[in-house]
Structure formats: C-alpha cells, structure tokens
Amino acid sequence: MGRVGGSRQTARGVRVMAHPTGDGQDSRGSRERHGPRAPHRAGAWSLLGLLAVCYAVAGLGAWASADAGSVYASLVRPGWAPPGWLFGPVWTVLYASIAVAAWLVLRRPAGSTRTAMTWWSVQLALNLAWTPLFFAAGQYGLAFLDICLLLTALALTLTSFTRHRKSAALMLLPYAAWVAFAAALNLSIWLSNT
C-alpha cells in the first residue's frame, strides 16, 4: 500500500483519504469498512402507523356494513359456516398480523420494498372492498370476484414478502387460510342465496 498526498492506496488499488487527524488511520466510513449502509429501519412509529391503517380498514368495513350480523344470520349458510360472533375476534388478530408482517419487511428490507408494499396495499384495498360488497350491497357474486382478486394479490404479497423476510410471509399464512375459507363460504352463500 502506498501513500499519495493526503491519501493512500490499499492492496486492492482503492484510493482512500487519510484520517484528518494525521494519525495514519484512514477516514473510511462504516460503508467502506462494513459494506453498504443499512437501509432505513422501520421503528415503533412505523408499526403504529401500519396498525392504524389496518384497523382503519377494519373500522371502515364495519361502518359500511353496520348490520352485518343480522344479514349473516338471515342467509342460507352451509353447515360448516362459523357462527357470526367468531368473525370479530379472528379479524382483530388477523389485522394485527397483516400490519406486523409489513413492518417486518420494512424493518429489514432486502432491497426495494416497492413491489412488496404495493401488493400489500392492493390486497388491503380489496379486503376493504369485500365487506360493503357482501353485506351492504348484497352483491355476493361481485364479492366473490373481489375475494378471488384478494387471494391473488395476497399470493403476490406472500411471494414478495418471502424475498425480504420469510417470517413476514409466514405471518400472513393464517390470513391467507382465512381468506381462502371465506372465499369458499362466499361462493356457497352466493349459490344458495340467489
């Protein structure tokens, strides 16, 4: 390694500026010593924001279908349909897992999160659209189309999340299973009530 003026050349031929104090150490930043700078990590405020978004979707869905309980009770349902009281607790847990999964991806991304978060947003928008279609409008066929699109967007979200963090994708698996079950229930109700 040789010195040239205020810099030195490493064994790899990389020219590095000498430490400004002149103590013989170089002034390479942590990026040169430890690789590329870590991307911005999502903190507690990001998690709270994602939880707020997910629970806002839940609140808007509940507001758009205030009489969902009575509508559900009045429908011809298959024997394997869950009781109406079960939906609230299940969705409360699922919305939290949807938010935490996104936070895990944002917390330690493996590159750009644009595609992953776009699909996450699309599936959440389709999730929001389903409740008013099914309960408020009584459009069981359109609701079934919506939930099929939701499953597709969710599959793409899972694939994108896996590229960043497997644990984030794993957190979405109960949600995917519940949505697949809801799609089957939606189809059965549509066929039995038209």
N, C-alpha and C. Protein backbone atom coordinates (compact mmCIF):
# COMPACT_ATOMS: atom_id res chain seq x y z
N MET A 1 0.85 -1.17 0.00
CA MET A 1 0.00 0.00 0.00
C MET A 1 0.89 1.23 0.00
N GLY A 2 0.56 2.19 -0.81
CA GLY A 2 1.38 3.39 -0.88
C GLY A 2 0.58 4.63 -0.59
N ARG A 3 1.27 5.67 -0.15
CA ARG A 3 0.63 6.95 0.14
C ARG A 3 0.85 7.89 -1.02
N VAL A 4 -0.21 8.62 -1.35
CA VAL A 4 -0.11 9.66 -2.36
C VAL A 4 -0.75 10.89 -1.78
N GLY A 5 0.01 11.91 -1.47
CA GLY A 5 -0.55 13.14 -0.90
C GLY A 5 -1.28 12.84 0.39
N GLY A 6 -2.53 13.27 0.48
CA GLY A 6 -3.34 13.06 1.67
C GLY A 6 -4.12 11.77 1.62
N SER A 7 -3.75 10.87 0.73
CA SER A 7 -4.48 9.61 0.63
C SER A 7 -3.50 8.46 0.55
N ARG A 8 -4.03 7.26 0.62
CA ARG A 8 -3.19 6.08 0.46
C ARG A 8 -3.92 5.10 -0.43
N GLN A 9 -3.17 4.17 -0.98
CA GLN A 9 -3.75 3.18 -1.86
C GLN A 9 -3.71 1.84 -1.15
N THR A 10 -4.83 1.13 -1.11
CA THR A 10 -4.90 -0.17 -0.44
C THR A 10 -4.34 -1.24 -1.36
N ALA A 11 -4.24 -2.45 -0.83
CA ALA A 11 -3.72 -3.58 -1.61
C ALA A 11 -4.59 -3.86 -2.83
N ARG A 12 -5.86 -3.51 -2.77
CA ARG A 12 -6.76 -3.72 -3.90
C ARG A 12 -6.72 -2.57 -4.90
N GLY A 13 -5.91 -1.59 -4.64
CA GLY A 13 -5.81 -0.46 -5.56
C GLY A 13 -6.85 0.60 -5.33
N VAL A 14 -7.53 0.58 -4.18
CA VAL A 14 -8.55 1.57 -3.89
C VAL A 14 -7.88 2.74 -3.19
N ARG A 15 -8.09 3.95 -3.68
CA ARG A 15 -7.51 5.14 -3.06
C ARG A 15 -8.42 5.59 -1.93
N VAL A 16 -7.85 5.77 -0.73
CA VAL A 16 -8.59 6.13 0.46
C VAL A 16 -7.96 7.37 1.05
N MET A 17 -8.80 8.32 1.48
CA MET A 17 -8.29 9.54 2.10
C MET A 17 -7.74 9.21 3.48
N ALA A 18 -6.63 9.87 3.83
CA ALA A 18 -6.03 9.67 5.14
C ALA A 18 -6.91 10.30 6.21
N HIS A 19 -6.82 9.79 7.41
CA HIS A 19 -7.58 10.32 8.54
C HIS A 19 -7.20 11.77 8.75
N PRO A 20 -8.17 12.66 8.93
CA PRO A 20 -7.85 14.09 9.01
C PRO A 20 -6.95 14.44 10.19
N THR A 21 -6.87 13.60 11.21
CA THR A 21 -6.01 13.92 12.35
C THR A 21 -4.56 13.58 12.06
N GLY A 22 -4.30 12.89 10.95
CA GLY A 22 -2.95 12.56 10.56
C GLY A 22 -2.35 11.44 11.39
N ASP A 23 -3.18 10.62 12.03
CA ASP A 23 -2.64 9.55 12.87
C ASP A 23 -2.37 8.27 12.09
N GLY A 24 -2.45 8.37 10.78
CA GLY A 24 -2.13 7.21 9.96
C GLY A 24 -3.32 6.32 9.66
N GLN A 25 -4.45 6.55 10.30
CA GLN A 25 -5.63 5.75 10.01
C GLN A 25 -6.41 6.42 8.90
N ASP A 26 -7.13 5.62 8.14
CA ASP A 26 -7.90 6.21 7.05
C ASP A 26 -9.24 6.69 7.57
N SER A 27 -9.90 7.49 6.75
CA SER A 27 -11.18 8.07 7.15
C SER A 27 -12.35 7.37 6.50
N ARG A 28 -12.12 6.11 6.16
CA ARG A 28 -13.23 5.38 5.54
C ARG A 28 -14.40 5.31 6.50
N GLY A 29 -15.59 5.56 5.99
CA GLY A 29 -16.79 5.47 6.81
C GLY A 29 -17.19 4.02 7.01
N SER A 30 -18.23 3.83 7.76
CA SER A 30 -18.69 2.47 8.05
C SER A 30 -19.10 1.74 6.78
N ARG A 31 -19.49 2.48 5.74
CA ARG A 31 -19.87 1.82 4.49
C ARG A 31 -18.70 1.09 3.88
N GLU A 32 -17.51 1.72 3.90
CA GLU A 32 -16.34 1.07 3.31
C GLU A 32 -15.85 -0.06 4.19
N ARG A 33 -15.93 0.08 5.51
CA ARG A 33 -15.45 -0.96 6.41
C ARG A 33 -16.43 -2.12 6.51
N HIS A 34 -17.71 -1.84 6.47
CA HIS A 34 -18.71 -2.87 6.76
C HIS A 34 -19.69 -3.10 5.63
N GLY A 35 -19.39 -2.68 4.45
CA GLY A 35 -20.30 -2.89 3.33
C GLY A 35 -21.27 -1.74 3.19
N PRO A 36 -22.30 -1.91 2.35
CA PRO A 36 -23.25 -0.83 2.11
C PRO A 36 -24.00 -0.44 3.38
N ARG A 37 -24.36 0.80 3.45
CA ARG A 37 -25.12 1.30 4.61
C ARG A 37 -26.45 0.57 4.69
N ALA A 38 -26.81 0.20 5.89
CA ALA A 38 -28.09 -0.48 6.10
C ALA A 38 -29.22 0.48 5.75
N PRO A 39 -30.26 -0.03 5.08
CA PRO A 39 -31.39 0.83 4.75
C PRO A 39 -32.09 1.30 6.02
N HIS A 40 -32.87 2.35 5.87
CA HIS A 40 -33.63 2.89 7.00
C HIS A 40 -34.50 1.78 7.57
N ARG A 41 -34.44 1.62 8.85
CA ARG A 41 -35.23 0.58 9.50
C ARG A 41 -36.49 1.18 10.09
N ALA A 42 -37.58 0.47 9.88
CA ALA A 42 -38.87 0.93 10.41
C ALA A 42 -38.89 0.71 11.91
N GLY A 43 -39.25 1.74 12.63
CA GLY A 43 -39.29 1.66 14.08
C GLY A 43 -40.71 1.52 14.61
N ALA A 44 -40.85 1.83 15.87
CA ALA A 44 -42.14 1.69 16.55
C ALA A 44 -43.22 2.57 15.91
N TRP A 45 -42.85 3.76 15.47
CA TRP A 45 -43.84 4.65 14.84
C TRP A 45 -44.37 4.05 13.54
N SER A 46 -43.50 3.38 12.81
CA SER A 46 -43.94 2.72 11.58
C SER A 46 -44.93 1.60 11.89
N LEU A 47 -44.62 0.84 12.92
CA LEU A 47 -45.52 -0.24 13.32
C LEU A 47 -46.88 0.33 13.73
N LEU A 48 -46.87 1.38 14.53
CA LEU A 48 -48.13 2.01 14.94
C LEU A 48 -48.91 2.53 13.74
N GLY A 49 -48.21 3.11 12.77
CA GLY A 49 -48.87 3.59 11.55
C GLY A 49 -49.50 2.46 10.76
N LEU A 50 -48.78 1.35 10.62
CA LEU A 50 -49.32 0.20 9.89
C LEU A 50 -50.51 -0.41 10.63
N LEU A 51 -50.42 -0.48 11.95
CA LEU A 51 -51.57 -0.96 12.73
C LEU A 51 -52.77 -0.03 12.55
N ALA A 52 -52.51 1.28 12.54
CA ALA A 52 -53.59 2.24 12.35
C ALA A 52 -54.25 2.07 10.99
N VAL A 53 -53.46 1.85 9.97
CA VAL A 53 -54.01 1.64 8.61
C VAL A 53 -54.87 0.38 8.59
N CYS A 54 -54.35 -0.71 9.14
CA CYS A 54 -55.10 -1.97 9.11
C CYS A 54 -56.40 -1.88 9.91
N TYR A 55 -56.32 -1.25 11.08
CA TYR A 55 -57.55 -1.13 11.88
C TYR A 55 -58.50 -0.08 11.32
N ALA A 56 -57.99 0.87 10.55
CA ALA A 56 -58.87 1.80 9.83
C ALA A 56 -59.65 1.05 8.76
N VAL A 57 -58.99 0.13 8.07
CA VAL A 57 -59.68 -0.72 7.08
C VAL A 57 -60.77 -1.51 7.79
N ALA A 58 -60.45 -2.07 8.95
CA ALA A 58 -61.45 -2.83 9.71
C ALA A 58 -62.61 -1.94 10.12
N GLY A 59 -62.29 -0.74 10.59
CA GLY A 59 -63.34 0.20 11.02
C GLY A 59 -64.23 0.64 9.88
N LEU A 60 -63.62 0.94 8.74
CA LEU A 60 -64.41 1.35 7.57
C LEU A 60 -65.30 0.21 7.10
N GLY A 61 -64.77 -1.01 7.12
CA GLY A 61 -65.58 -2.17 6.74
C GLY A 61 -66.75 -2.36 7.68
N ALA A 62 -66.50 -2.20 8.97
CA ALA A 62 -67.57 -2.34 9.97
C ALA A 62 -68.62 -1.23 9.81
N TRP A 63 -68.14 -0.02 9.56
CA TRP A 63 -69.06 1.11 9.37
C TRP A 63 -69.92 0.90 8.12
N ALA A 64 -69.31 0.39 7.04
CA ALA A 64 -70.05 0.19 5.78
C ALA A 64 -71.04 -0.96 5.86
N SER A 65 -70.90 -1.77 6.87
CA SER A 65 -71.82 -2.92 6.99
C SER A 65 -72.27 -3.07 8.43
N ALA A 66 -72.87 -2.02 8.95
CA ALA A 66 -73.29 -1.99 10.35
C ALA A 66 -74.25 -3.11 10.70
N ASP A 67 -75.03 -3.58 9.74
CA ASP A 67 -76.00 -4.65 10.02
C ASP A 67 -75.50 -6.02 9.55
N ALA A 68 -74.18 -6.21 9.52
CA ALA A 68 -73.60 -7.46 9.03
C ALA A 68 -74.09 -8.66 9.83
N GLY A 69 -74.24 -8.52 11.15
CA GLY A 69 -74.69 -9.64 11.98
C GLY A 69 -76.06 -10.15 11.59
N SER A 70 -76.99 -9.23 11.39
CA SER A 70 -78.34 -9.65 11.01
C SER A 70 -78.39 -10.18 9.58
N VAL A 71 -77.60 -9.58 8.68
CA VAL A 71 -77.55 -10.08 7.30
C VAL A 71 -77.01 -11.51 7.29
N TYR A 72 -75.91 -11.73 8.01
CA TYR A 72 -75.29 -13.06 8.05
C TYR A 72 -76.25 -14.09 8.63
N ALA A 73 -76.96 -13.72 9.69
CA ALA A 73 -77.91 -14.64 10.32
C ALA A 73 -79.07 -14.99 9.39
N SER A 74 -79.43 -14.07 8.49
CA SER A 74 -80.57 -14.30 7.61
C SER A 74 -80.22 -15.13 6.37
N LEU A 75 -78.96 -15.34 6.12
CA LEU A 75 -78.54 -16.06 4.91
C LEU A 75 -78.66 -17.57 5.07
N VAL A 76 -78.90 -18.24 3.94
CA VAL A 76 -78.81 -19.70 3.90
C VAL A 76 -77.31 -20.00 3.86
N ARG A 77 -76.83 -20.68 4.90
CA ARG A 77 -75.39 -20.95 5.02
C ARG A 77 -75.14 -22.44 5.07
N PRO A 78 -73.95 -22.86 4.67
CA PRO A 78 -73.62 -24.29 4.78
C PRO A 78 -73.43 -24.67 6.25
N GLY A 79 -73.49 -25.95 6.55
CA GLY A 79 -73.33 -26.43 7.92
C GLY A 79 -71.96 -26.11 8.51
N TRP A 80 -70.97 -25.92 7.66
CA TRP A 80 -69.62 -25.64 8.14
C TRP A 80 -69.35 -24.14 8.32
N ALA A 81 -70.36 -23.32 8.15
CA ALA A 81 -70.19 -21.87 8.33
C ALA A 81 -69.97 -21.57 9.81
N PRO A 82 -69.00 -20.71 10.13
CA PRO A 82 -68.76 -20.38 11.53
C PRO A 82 -69.87 -19.48 12.09
N PRO A 83 -70.02 -19.45 13.41
CA PRO A 83 -71.01 -18.54 13.99
C PRO A 83 -70.57 -17.09 13.78
N GLY A 84 -71.51 -16.19 13.69
CA GLY A 84 -71.22 -14.79 13.42
C GLY A 84 -70.30 -14.13 14.44
N TRP A 85 -70.38 -14.53 15.71
CA TRP A 85 -69.57 -13.90 16.76
C TRP A 85 -68.08 -14.16 16.57
N LEU A 86 -67.72 -15.19 15.79
CA LEU A 86 -66.31 -15.56 15.62
C LEU A 86 -65.53 -14.59 14.74
N PHE A 87 -66.22 -13.91 13.84
CA PHE A 87 -65.52 -13.06 12.87
C PHE A 87 -64.75 -11.91 13.52
N GLY A 88 -65.34 -11.25 14.48
CA GLY A 88 -64.67 -10.11 15.14
C GLY A 88 -63.34 -10.46 15.76
N PRO A 89 -63.29 -11.48 16.64
CA PRO A 89 -62.00 -11.84 17.24
C PRO A 89 -60.97 -12.31 16.21
N VAL A 90 -61.41 -13.09 15.23
CA VAL A 90 -60.47 -13.58 14.22
C VAL A 90 -59.87 -12.41 13.44
N TRP A 91 -60.71 -11.50 12.99
CA TRP A 91 -60.20 -10.37 12.21
C TRP A 91 -59.34 -9.43 13.04
N THR A 92 -59.62 -9.31 14.32
CA THR A 92 -58.79 -8.47 15.18
C THR A 92 -57.35 -8.98 15.18
N VAL A 93 -57.19 -10.28 15.31
CA VAL A 93 -55.85 -10.88 15.29
C VAL A 93 -55.24 -10.80 13.89
N LEU A 94 -56.04 -11.08 12.87
CA LEU A 94 -55.50 -11.08 11.51
C LEU A 94 -55.03 -9.70 11.07
N TYR A 95 -55.78 -8.65 11.40
CA TYR A 95 -55.34 -7.30 11.02
C TYR A 95 -54.03 -6.94 11.71
N ALA A 96 -53.85 -7.38 12.94
CA ALA A 96 -52.57 -7.13 13.62
C ALA A 96 -51.44 -7.85 12.90
N SER A 97 -51.68 -9.09 12.48
CA SER A 97 -50.63 -9.85 11.79
C SER A 97 -50.32 -9.25 10.42
N ILE A 98 -51.32 -8.70 9.75
CA ILE A 98 -51.10 -8.04 8.46
C ILE A 98 -50.17 -6.84 8.65
N ALA A 99 -50.41 -6.06 9.69
CA ALA A 99 -49.58 -4.89 9.97
C ALA A 99 -48.17 -5.29 10.37
N VAL A 100 -48.04 -6.26 11.25
CA VAL A 100 -46.72 -6.67 11.73
C VAL A 100 -45.90 -7.28 10.58
N ALA A 101 -46.55 -8.04 9.71
CA ALA A 101 -45.83 -8.62 8.56
C ALA A 101 -45.24 -7.52 7.69
N ALA A 102 -46.01 -6.50 7.40
CA ALA A 102 -45.50 -5.38 6.59
C ALA A 102 -44.35 -4.67 7.32
N TRP A 103 -44.50 -4.50 8.62
CA TRP A 103 -43.46 -3.85 9.41
C TRP A 103 -42.16 -4.64 9.37
N LEU A 104 -42.26 -5.98 9.44
CA LEU A 104 -41.06 -6.81 9.37
C LEU A 104 -40.33 -6.63 8.04
N VAL A 105 -41.09 -6.50 6.97
CA VAL A 105 -40.47 -6.27 5.66
C VAL A 105 -39.79 -4.91 5.63
N LEU A 106 -40.46 -3.89 6.15
CA LEU A 106 -39.89 -2.55 6.15
C LEU A 106 -38.73 -2.42 7.12
N ARG A 107 -38.74 -3.23 8.15
CA ARG A 107 -37.71 -3.14 9.19
C ARG A 107 -36.35 -3.60 8.67
N ARG A 108 -36.32 -4.67 7.92
CA ARG A 108 -35.06 -5.17 7.37
C ARG A 108 -35.27 -5.59 5.92
N PRO A 109 -35.43 -4.64 5.05
CA PRO A 109 -35.68 -4.99 3.65
C PRO A 109 -34.44 -5.55 2.96
N ALA A 110 -34.67 -6.42 2.02
CA ALA A 110 -33.60 -6.93 1.17
C ALA A 110 -33.76 -6.24 -0.17
N GLY A 111 -33.42 -4.97 -0.23
CA GLY A 111 -33.60 -4.20 -1.45
C GLY A 111 -34.86 -3.35 -1.36
N SER A 112 -35.32 -2.93 -2.51
CA SER A 112 -36.51 -2.07 -2.57
C SER A 112 -37.76 -2.84 -2.13
N THR A 113 -38.59 -2.17 -1.35
CA THR A 113 -39.83 -2.78 -0.88
C THR A 113 -41.04 -2.32 -1.70
N ARG A 114 -40.79 -1.59 -2.76
CA ARG A 114 -41.90 -1.01 -3.53
C ARG A 114 -42.90 -2.07 -4.01
N THR A 115 -42.41 -3.14 -4.63
CA THR A 115 -43.32 -4.18 -5.14
C THR A 115 -44.06 -4.86 -4.00
N ALA A 116 -43.34 -5.22 -2.96
CA ALA A 116 -43.97 -5.91 -1.83
C ALA A 116 -45.04 -5.05 -1.18
N MET A 117 -44.74 -3.79 -0.96
CA MET A 117 -45.69 -2.92 -0.29
C MET A 117 -46.83 -2.50 -1.22
N THR A 118 -46.58 -2.48 -2.52
CA THR A 118 -47.67 -2.22 -3.47
C THR A 118 -48.69 -3.36 -3.41
N TRP A 119 -48.20 -4.61 -3.45
CA TRP A 119 -49.12 -5.74 -3.37
C TRP A 119 -49.82 -5.80 -2.02
N TRP A 120 -49.10 -5.45 -0.96
CA TRP A 120 -49.70 -5.40 0.37
C TRP A 120 -50.85 -4.39 0.38
N SER A 121 -50.64 -3.23 -0.24
CA SER A 121 -51.67 -2.19 -0.30
C SER A 121 -52.86 -2.63 -1.15
N VAL A 122 -52.58 -3.31 -2.27
CA VAL A 122 -53.65 -3.78 -3.16
C VAL A 122 -54.52 -4.80 -2.42
N GLN A 123 -53.88 -5.75 -1.75
CA GLN A 123 -54.69 -6.77 -1.05
C GLN A 123 -55.51 -6.12 0.07
N LEU A 124 -54.95 -5.11 0.71
CA LEU A 124 -55.69 -4.44 1.79
C LEU A 124 -56.89 -3.66 1.22
N ALA A 125 -56.71 -3.04 0.06
CA ALA A 125 -57.83 -2.33 -0.59
C ALA A 125 -58.92 -3.31 -1.01
N LEU A 126 -58.52 -4.46 -1.54
CA LEU A 126 -59.51 -5.48 -1.92
C LEU A 126 -60.21 -6.04 -0.68
N ASN A 127 -59.48 -6.16 0.40
CA ASN A 127 -60.06 -6.59 1.67
C ASN A 127 -61.13 -5.58 2.10
N LEU A 128 -60.80 -4.31 2.01
CA LEU A 128 -61.74 -3.25 2.37
C LEU A 128 -63.00 -3.29 1.50
N ALA A 129 -62.83 -3.56 0.22
CA ALA A 129 -63.98 -3.55 -0.70
C ALA A 129 -64.94 -4.72 -0.46
N TRP A 130 -64.45 -5.84 0.05
CA TRP A 130 -65.28 -7.02 0.17
C TRP A 130 -66.47 -6.83 1.10
N THR A 131 -66.25 -6.28 2.27
CA THR A 131 -67.33 -6.18 3.27
C THR A 131 -68.54 -5.40 2.78
N PRO A 132 -68.35 -4.19 2.22
CA PRO A 132 -69.54 -3.49 1.72
C PRO A 132 -70.19 -4.19 0.53
N LEU A 133 -69.39 -4.83 -0.31
CA LEU A 133 -69.98 -5.57 -1.43
C LEU A 133 -70.87 -6.70 -0.93
N PHE A 134 -70.36 -7.45 0.04
CA PHE A 134 -71.09 -8.62 0.52
C PHE A 134 -72.26 -8.23 1.42
N PHE A 135 -72.00 -7.44 2.45
CA PHE A 135 -73.03 -7.18 3.45
C PHE A 135 -73.92 -5.99 3.12
N ALA A 136 -73.34 -4.87 2.73
CA ALA A 136 -74.16 -3.67 2.49
C ALA A 136 -74.90 -3.75 1.16
N ALA A 137 -74.22 -4.20 0.11
CA ALA A 137 -74.84 -4.23 -1.22
C ALA A 137 -75.51 -5.56 -1.53
N GLY A 138 -75.17 -6.61 -0.79
CA GLY A 138 -75.74 -7.93 -1.08
C GLY A 138 -75.31 -8.48 -2.42
N GLN A 139 -74.18 -8.03 -2.92
CA GLN A 139 -73.66 -8.45 -4.22
C GLN A 139 -72.70 -9.63 -4.02
N TYR A 140 -73.24 -10.80 -3.77
CA TYR A 140 -72.43 -11.96 -3.42
C TYR A 140 -71.52 -12.40 -4.56
N GLY A 141 -71.98 -12.25 -5.79
CA GLY A 141 -71.15 -12.60 -6.94
C GLY A 141 -69.97 -11.66 -7.09
N LEU A 142 -70.22 -10.34 -6.97
CA LEU A 142 -69.12 -9.36 -7.04
C LEU A 142 -68.18 -9.51 -5.85
N ALA A 143 -68.75 -9.84 -4.70
CA ALA A 143 -67.92 -10.07 -3.52
C ALA A 143 -67.02 -11.28 -3.74
N PHE A 144 -67.56 -12.31 -4.41
CA PHE A 144 -66.73 -13.49 -4.70
C PHE A 144 -65.61 -13.13 -5.67
N LEU A 145 -65.91 -12.34 -6.68
CA LEU A 145 -64.87 -11.88 -7.61
C LEU A 145 -63.81 -11.09 -6.85
N ASP A 146 -64.25 -10.20 -5.97
CA ASP A 146 -63.33 -9.41 -5.18
C ASP A 146 -62.43 -10.29 -4.32
N ILE A 147 -63.00 -11.29 -3.67
CA ILE A 147 -62.20 -12.13 -2.78
C ILE A 147 -61.23 -13.02 -3.58
N CYS A 148 -61.61 -13.37 -4.80
CA CYS A 148 -60.66 -14.11 -5.66
C CYS A 148 -59.48 -13.22 -6.05
N LEU A 149 -59.78 -11.95 -6.37
CA LEU A 149 -58.71 -11.00 -6.66
C LEU A 149 -57.86 -10.76 -5.41
N LEU A 150 -58.51 -10.73 -4.26
CA LEU A 150 -57.80 -10.57 -2.99
C LEU A 150 -56.83 -11.74 -2.77
N LEU A 151 -57.28 -12.95 -3.04
CA LEU A 151 -56.40 -14.12 -2.89
C LEU A 151 -55.20 -14.03 -3.83
N THR A 152 -55.44 -13.56 -5.05
CA THR A 152 -54.34 -13.40 -6.00
C THR A 152 -53.34 -12.35 -5.50
N ALA A 153 -53.85 -11.20 -5.08
CA ALA A 153 -52.98 -10.15 -4.56
C ALA A 153 -52.25 -10.62 -3.30
N LEU A 154 -52.92 -11.39 -2.49
CA LEU A 154 -52.30 -11.91 -1.27
C LEU A 154 -51.19 -12.91 -1.61
N ALA A 155 -51.40 -13.74 -2.62
CA ALA A 155 -50.35 -14.68 -3.05
C ALA A 155 -49.13 -13.91 -3.55
N LEU A 156 -49.36 -12.82 -4.28
CA LEU A 156 -48.24 -12.00 -4.76
C LEU A 156 -47.57 -11.26 -3.60
N THR A 157 -48.34 -10.87 -2.61
CA THR A 157 -47.77 -10.25 -1.40
C THR A 157 -46.89 -11.26 -0.67
N LEU A 158 -47.39 -12.48 -0.50
CA LEU A 158 -46.60 -13.52 0.15
C LEU A 158 -45.29 -13.78 -0.58
N THR A 159 -45.37 -13.86 -1.90
CA THR A 159 -44.16 -14.09 -2.70
C THR A 159 -43.18 -12.94 -2.53
N SER A 160 -43.68 -11.72 -2.59
CA SER A 160 -42.81 -10.54 -2.43
C SER A 160 -42.23 -10.47 -1.03
N PHE A 161 -43.04 -10.76 -0.02
CA PHE A 161 -42.56 -10.70 1.36
C PHE A 161 -41.49 -11.77 1.60
N THR A 162 -41.64 -12.95 0.99
CA THR A 162 -40.67 -14.02 1.15
C THR A 162 -39.28 -13.58 0.69
N ARG A 163 -39.24 -12.77 -0.36
CA ARG A 163 -37.95 -12.28 -0.86
C ARG A 163 -37.25 -11.38 0.15
N HIS A 164 -38.02 -10.74 1.01
CA HIS A 164 -37.44 -9.84 2.00
C HIS A 164 -37.22 -10.55 3.34
N ARG A 165 -38.25 -11.23 3.79
CA ARG A 165 -38.17 -11.85 5.11
C ARG A 165 -39.20 -12.96 5.21
N LYS A 166 -38.75 -14.19 5.35
CA LYS A 166 -39.66 -15.33 5.41
C LYS A 166 -40.64 -15.23 6.57
N SER A 167 -40.18 -14.71 7.70
CA SER A 167 -41.07 -14.62 8.86
C SER A 167 -42.26 -13.71 8.56
N ALA A 168 -42.06 -12.69 7.74
CA ALA A 168 -43.16 -11.80 7.37
C ALA A 168 -44.19 -12.56 6.53
N ALA A 169 -43.71 -13.36 5.59
CA ALA A 169 -44.63 -14.16 4.78
C ALA A 169 -45.36 -15.19 5.64
N LEU A 170 -44.64 -15.81 6.57
CA LEU A 170 -45.27 -16.80 7.45
C LEU A 170 -46.38 -16.18 8.30
N MET A 171 -46.19 -14.93 8.69
CA MET A 171 -47.23 -14.25 9.48
C MET A 171 -48.51 -14.05 8.69
N LEU A 172 -48.41 -14.04 7.38
CA LEU A 172 -49.60 -13.85 6.54
C LEU A 172 -50.32 -15.16 6.21
N LEU A 173 -49.72 -16.29 6.52
CA LEU A 173 -50.35 -17.57 6.17
C LEU A 173 -51.71 -17.79 6.85
N PRO A 174 -51.87 -17.48 8.15
CA PRO A 174 -53.22 -17.63 8.73
C PRO A 174 -54.25 -16.73 8.03
N TYR A 175 -53.84 -15.54 7.66
CA TYR A 175 -54.71 -14.63 6.92
C TYR A 175 -55.09 -15.23 5.58
N ALA A 176 -54.10 -15.78 4.87
CA ALA A 176 -54.38 -16.41 3.57
C ALA A 176 -55.33 -17.59 3.73
N ALA A 177 -55.13 -18.39 4.77
CA ALA A 177 -56.01 -19.54 5.01
C ALA A 177 -57.44 -19.07 5.31
N TRP A 178 -57.56 -18.02 6.13
CA TRP A 178 -58.89 -17.50 6.47
C TRP A 178 -59.59 -16.91 5.24
N VAL A 179 -58.84 -16.20 4.41
CA VAL A 179 -59.43 -15.62 3.20
C VAL A 179 -59.86 -16.73 2.23
N ALA A 180 -59.07 -17.80 2.13
CA ALA A 180 -59.44 -18.93 1.26
C ALA A 180 -60.73 -19.58 1.80
N PHE A 181 -60.81 -19.73 3.11
CA PHE A 181 -62.02 -20.27 3.73
C PHE A 181 -63.21 -19.34 3.48
N ALA A 182 -62.98 -18.03 3.63
CA ALA A 182 -64.04 -17.05 3.39
C ALA A 182 -64.49 -17.07 1.93
N ALA A 183 -63.56 -17.32 1.01
CA ALA A 183 -63.92 -17.40 -0.41
C ALA A 183 -64.85 -18.59 -0.65
N ALA A 184 -64.52 -19.72 -0.05
CA ALA A 184 -65.38 -20.90 -0.19
C ALA A 184 -66.76 -20.64 0.43
N LEU A 185 -66.77 -19.97 1.58
CA LEU A 185 -68.04 -19.63 2.22
C LEU A 185 -68.84 -18.64 1.37
N ASN A 186 -68.16 -17.65 0.83
CA ASN A 186 -68.79 -16.66 -0.06
C ASN A 186 -69.44 -17.35 -1.26
N LEU A 187 -68.70 -18.27 -1.88
CA LEU A 187 -69.24 -18.98 -3.04
C LEU A 187 -70.46 -19.80 -2.66
N SER A 188 -70.39 -20.50 -1.54
CA SER A 188 -71.52 -21.31 -1.09
C SER A 188 -72.75 -20.45 -0.81
N ILE A 189 -72.54 -19.32 -0.14
CA ILE A 189 -73.66 -18.41 0.16
C ILE A 189 -74.22 -17.82 -1.12
N TRP A 190 -73.36 -17.45 -2.05
CA TRP A 190 -73.81 -16.90 -3.32
C TRP A 190 -74.70 -17.92 -4.06
N LEU A 191 -74.25 -19.16 -4.11
CA LEU A 191 -75.01 -20.18 -4.82
C LEU A 191 -76.31 -20.55 -4.10
N SER A 192 -76.32 -20.44 -2.80
CA SER A 192 -77.51 -20.82 -2.02
C SER A 192 -78.53 -19.69 -1.86
N ASN A 193 -78.11 -18.46 -2.11
CA ASN A 193 -78.99 -17.32 -1.83
C ASN A 193 -79.33 -16.49 -3.08
N THR A 194 -79.20 -17.08 -4.24
CA THR A 194 -79.59 -16.34 -5.47
C THR A 194 -80.63 -17.11 -6.24
